[in-house]
Amino acid sequence: MTLYTVMPHELIWREEDHSNQTPQTKELQMGNVLMEVELLSDNKAKVIRLLNCELGHYLNPHYAPGSIISFLPVIEQTK
């Protein structure tokens, strides 16, 4: 069976066994790349998918799904 959808397969093919919790994901903006990541520690995260970026970023191995990135949280000030 082929299923074409933008929804993650975890939402479609739910298992009855809820012993394994789905990882907590967050949206993270790095430069002009918006990505969904799974937080691993205070400043490390695993890339799940790219949400909004230029097409060339999809070919960058640093942003590939499964790669580990380091980041520094920044507090944005509103004017």
C-alpha atoms as a PDB file:
ATOM      1  CA  MET A   1       0.000   0.000   0.000  1.00  0.00           C
ATOM      2  CA  THR A   2       1.303   3.460  -0.893  1.00  0.00           C
ATOM      3  CA  LEU A   3       0.222   6.430   1.188  1.00  0.00           C
ATOM      4  CA  TYR A   4       1.171   9.952   0.097  1.00  0.00           C
ATOM      5  CA  THR A   5       0.917  12.376   3.021  1.00  0.00           C
ATOM      6  CA  VAL A   6       2.844  15.103   4.835  1.00  0.00           C
ATOM      7  CA  MET A   7       1.856  13.701   8.224  1.00  0.00           C
ATOM      8  CA  PRO A   8       4.529  11.775  10.166  1.00  0.00           C
ATOM      9  CA  HIS A   9       4.072   8.022   9.990  1.00  0.00           C
ATOM     10  CA  GLU A  10       3.818   7.858  13.816  1.00  0.00           C
ATOM     11  CA  LEU A  11       0.473   9.669  13.647  1.00  0.00           C
ATOM     12  CA  ILE A  12      -0.924   7.416  10.942  1.00  0.00           C
ATOM     13  CA  TRP A  13       0.375   4.024  12.091  1.00  0.00           C
ATOM     14  CA  ARG A  14      -0.203   4.289  15.831  1.00  0.00           C
ATOM     15  CA  GLU A  15       0.770   1.248  17.851  1.00  0.00           C
ATOM     16  CA  GLU A  16      -1.442  -0.018  20.636  1.00  0.00           C
ATOM     17  CA  ASP A  17       1.601  -0.353  22.902  1.00  0.00           C
ATOM     18  CA  HIS A  18       2.212   3.082  24.440  1.00  0.00           C
ATOM     19  CA  SER A  19       5.293   2.004  26.412  1.00  0.00           C
ATOM     20  CA  ASN A  20       7.621   3.918  24.078  1.00  0.00           C
ATOM     21  CA  GLN A  21       6.801   7.609  24.265  1.00  0.00           C
ATOM     22  CA  THR A  22       7.352   9.741  21.191  1.00  0.00           C
ATOM     23  CA  PRO A  23      10.309  12.104  21.610  1.00  0.00           C
ATOM     24  CA  GLN A  24       9.672  15.747  22.401  1.00  0.00           C
ATOM     25  CA  THR A  25      10.298  17.905  19.343  1.00  0.00           C
ATOM     26  CA  LYS A  26      10.672  21.656  18.999  1.00  0.00           C
ATOM     27  CA  GLU A  27      10.989  24.091  16.126  1.00  0.00           C
ATOM     28  CA  LEU A  28      14.414  25.727  15.992  1.00  0.00           C
ATOM     29  CA  GLN A  29      15.551  28.653  13.842  1.00  0.00           C
ATOM     30  CA  MET A  30      19.258  28.644  12.921  1.00  0.00           C
ATOM     31  CA  GLY A  31      20.053  31.568  10.650  1.00  0.00           C
ATOM     32  CA  ASN A  32      17.423  31.406   7.926  1.00  0.00           C
ATOM     33  CA  VAL A  33      16.753  27.673   8.396  1.00  0.00           C
ATOM     34  CA  LEU A  34      13.656  26.619  10.350  1.00  0.00           C
ATOM     35  CA  MET A  35      13.848  22.974  11.419  1.00  0.00           C
ATOM     36  CA  GLU A  36      12.109  20.487  13.669  1.00  0.00           C
ATOM     37  CA  VAL A  37      14.526  18.960  16.187  1.00  0.00           C
ATOM     38  CA  GLU A  38      14.501  16.463  19.031  1.00  0.00           C
ATOM     39  CA  LEU A  39      16.186  17.951  22.095  1.00  0.00           C
ATOM     40  CA  LEU A  40      18.975  15.728  23.442  1.00  0.00           C
ATOM     41  CA  SER A  41      20.615  17.925  26.083  1.00  0.00           C
ATOM     42  CA  ASP A  42      20.842  21.594  27.016  1.00  0.00           C
ATOM     43  CA  ASN A  43      22.501  22.691  23.774  1.00  0.00           C
ATOM     44  CA  LYS A  44      22.385  19.647  21.474  1.00  0.00           C
ATOM     45  CA  ALA A  45      19.576  18.458  19.249  1.00  0.00           C
ATOM     46  CA  LYS A  46      18.937  15.879  16.521  1.00  0.00           C
ATOM     47  CA  VAL A  47      17.481  17.171  13.249  1.00  0.00           C
ATOM     48  CA  ILE A  48      14.126  15.595  12.415  1.00  0.00           C
ATOM     49  CA  ARG A  49      13.214  17.600   9.303  1.00  0.00           C
ATOM     50  CA  LEU A  50      13.636  20.993   7.663  1.00  0.00           C
ATOM     51  CA  LEU A  51      10.493  23.128   7.691  1.00  0.00           C
ATOM     52  CA  ASN A  52      11.414  26.368   5.915  1.00  0.00           C
ATOM     53  CA  CYS A  53      14.678  27.111   4.132  1.00  0.00           C
ATOM     54  CA  GLU A  54      16.289  27.684   0.755  1.00  0.00           C
ATOM     55  CA  LEU A  55      16.489  24.656  -1.529  1.00  0.00           C
ATOM     56  CA  GLY A  56      20.280  24.457  -1.242  1.00  0.00           C
ATOM     57  CA  HIS A  57      20.035  23.731   2.500  1.00  0.00           C
ATOM     58  CA  TYR A  58      18.375  20.385   1.777  1.00  0.00           C
ATOM     59  CA  LEU A  59      21.667  19.238   0.215  1.00  0.00           C
ATOM     60  CA  ASN A  60      23.760  20.399   3.199  1.00  0.00           C
ATOM     61  CA  PRO A  61      24.820  17.296   5.204  1.00  0.00           C
ATOM     62  CA  HIS A  62      24.895  19.353   8.430  1.00  0.00           C
ATOM     63  CA  TYR A  63      21.101  19.756   8.199  1.00  0.00           C
ATOM     64  CA  ALA A  64      20.357  16.171   7.164  1.00  0.00           C
ATOM     65  CA  PRO A  65      17.766  14.304   9.266  1.00  0.00           C
ATOM     66  CA  GLY A  66      19.498  12.428  12.073  1.00  0.00           C
ATOM     67  CA  SER A  67      22.489  14.762  12.303  1.00  0.00           C
ATOM     68  CA  ILE A  68      23.346  16.257  15.696  1.00  0.00           C
ATOM     69  CA  ILE A  69      23.611  20.045  15.957  1.00  0.00           C
ATOM     70  CA  SER A  70      24.794  22.350  18.743  1.00  0.00           C
ATOM     71  CA  PHE A  71      23.099  25.659  19.434  1.00  0.00           C
ATOM     72  CA  LEU A  72      23.066  28.550  21.897  1.00  0.00           C
ATOM     73  CA  PRO A  73      19.679  29.802  23.068  1.00  0.00           C
ATOM     74  CA  VAL A  74      19.111  33.511  22.432  1.00  0.00           C
ATOM     75  CA  ILE A  75      16.473  35.691  24.063  1.00  0.00           C
ATOM     76  CA  GLU A  76      14.910  38.029  21.517  1.00  0.00           C
ATOM     77  CA  GLN A  77      13.975  41.472  22.767  1.00  0.00           C
ATOM     78  CA  THR A  78      10.821  43.088  21.475  1.00  0.00           C
ATOM     79  CA  LYS A  79      10.788  46.799  20.708  1.00  0.00           C
END
